[in-house]
Amino acid sequence: MITEGSREFAGRDWDAVRANKDEYWGERIARLGALEAFRIAEELRAQALATIPSWPDDALRSEDLHAHVRLSSLFRRAGPTRRR
């Protein structure tokens, strides 16, 4: 029984699962607004802290800052876009 359940789980259409989750959360946030998006993010942060209380450490914070600086630089180089 356990083996059968494991095979069923592993054999799922993971692309469809991902698409379904994206649709669900996208619709929920569109309906409930930015406050709902913040609430979800805060729950994920709390879950991460419960698992790894030292998260994020100084090294991860520094890495994150460098990634944001790089992305900001790329946006500046790309320049503004026009909406049609």
Protein backbone atom coordinates (compact mmCIF):
# COMPACT_ATOMS: atom_id res chain seq x y z
CA MET A 1 0.00 0.00 0.00
CA ILE A 2 2.76 2.46 0.91
CA THR A 3 4.69 1.64 -2.27
CA GLU A 4 1.59 2.18 -4.41
CA GLY A 5 0.94 5.58 -2.79
CA SER A 6 4.55 6.60 -3.26
CA ARG A 7 4.47 5.68 -6.94
CA GLU A 8 1.21 7.58 -7.42
CA PHE A 9 2.67 10.64 -5.71
CA ALA A 10 5.91 10.54 -7.71
CA GLY A 11 4.00 10.01 -10.96
CA ARG A 12 1.84 13.13 -10.59
CA ASP A 13 1.70 15.71 -13.32
CA TRP A 14 3.87 18.22 -11.45
CA ASP A 15 3.55 20.86 -14.18
CA ALA A 16 -0.23 20.77 -13.74
CA VAL A 17 0.14 20.93 -9.95
CA ARG A 18 2.38 24.01 -10.27
CA ALA A 19 -0.02 25.68 -12.73
CA ASN A 20 -2.96 25.00 -10.43
CA LYS A 21 -1.16 26.48 -7.42
CA ASP A 22 -0.07 29.54 -9.42
CA GLU A 23 -3.65 30.10 -10.57
CA TYR A 24 -5.08 29.64 -7.07
CA TRP A 25 -2.68 32.06 -5.37
CA GLY A 26 -2.81 34.56 -8.23
CA GLU A 27 -6.61 34.72 -8.06
CA ARG A 28 -6.59 34.89 -4.25
CA ILE A 29 -4.13 37.79 -4.16
CA ALA A 30 -5.96 39.58 -6.99
CA ARG A 31 -9.21 39.24 -5.03
CA LEU A 32 -7.89 40.05 -1.54
CA GLY A 33 -5.12 42.50 -2.39
CA ALA A 34 -1.60 43.27 -1.28
CA LEU A 35 -2.36 42.68 2.39
CA GLU A 36 -3.09 39.02 1.60
CA ALA A 37 0.19 38.72 -0.29
CA PHE A 38 2.00 40.18 2.74
CA ARG A 39 0.17 37.79 5.09
CA ILE A 40 1.23 34.81 2.98
CA ALA A 41 4.85 36.00 2.86
CA GLU A 42 4.85 36.48 6.63
CA GLU A 43 3.55 32.94 7.17
CA LEU A 44 6.32 31.56 4.95
CA ARG A 45 8.92 33.63 6.86
CA ALA A 46 7.61 32.33 10.20
CA GLN A 47 7.73 28.76 8.92
CA ALA A 48 11.34 29.21 7.78
CA LEU A 49 12.30 30.67 11.18
CA ALA A 50 10.62 27.77 12.97
CA THR A 51 12.73 25.36 10.92
CA ILE A 52 16.01 27.32 11.05
CA PRO A 53 15.91 29.96 13.82
CA SER A 54 19.16 31.59 12.65
CA TRP A 55 17.77 32.23 9.14
CA PRO A 56 18.81 34.39 7.43
CA ASP A 57 22.38 34.62 8.66
CA ASP A 58 24.79 37.43 7.74
CA ALA A 59 26.17 35.55 4.73
CA LEU A 60 22.70 35.01 3.25
CA ARG A 61 21.76 38.65 3.88
CA SER A 62 24.93 39.81 2.11
CA GLU A 63 24.29 37.46 -0.81
CA ASP A 64 20.71 38.73 -1.08
CA LEU A 65 21.84 42.36 -1.02
CA HIS A 66 24.36 41.72 -3.81
CA ALA A 67 21.67 40.02 -5.90
CA HIS A 68 19.34 43.02 -5.45
CA VAL A 69 22.11 45.47 -6.36
CA ARG A 70 22.89 43.48 -9.50
CA LEU A 71 19.22 43.28 -10.51
CA SER A 72 18.81 47.02 -9.92
CA SER A 73 21.82 47.68 -12.14
CA LEU A 74 20.37 45.47 -14.89
CA PHE A 75 17.05 47.34 -14.71
CA ARG A 76 18.81 50.69 -14.99
CA ARG A 77 20.78 49.50 -18.02
CA ALA A 78 17.63 48.16 -19.68
CA GLY A 79 15.96 51.55 -19.40
CA PRO A 80 12.26 52.30 -19.38
CA THR A 81 9.76 50.40 -21.46
CA ARG A 82 6.73 51.78 -23.20
CA ARG A 83 3.28 50.37 -22.71
CA ARG A 84 1.11 50.11 -25.77
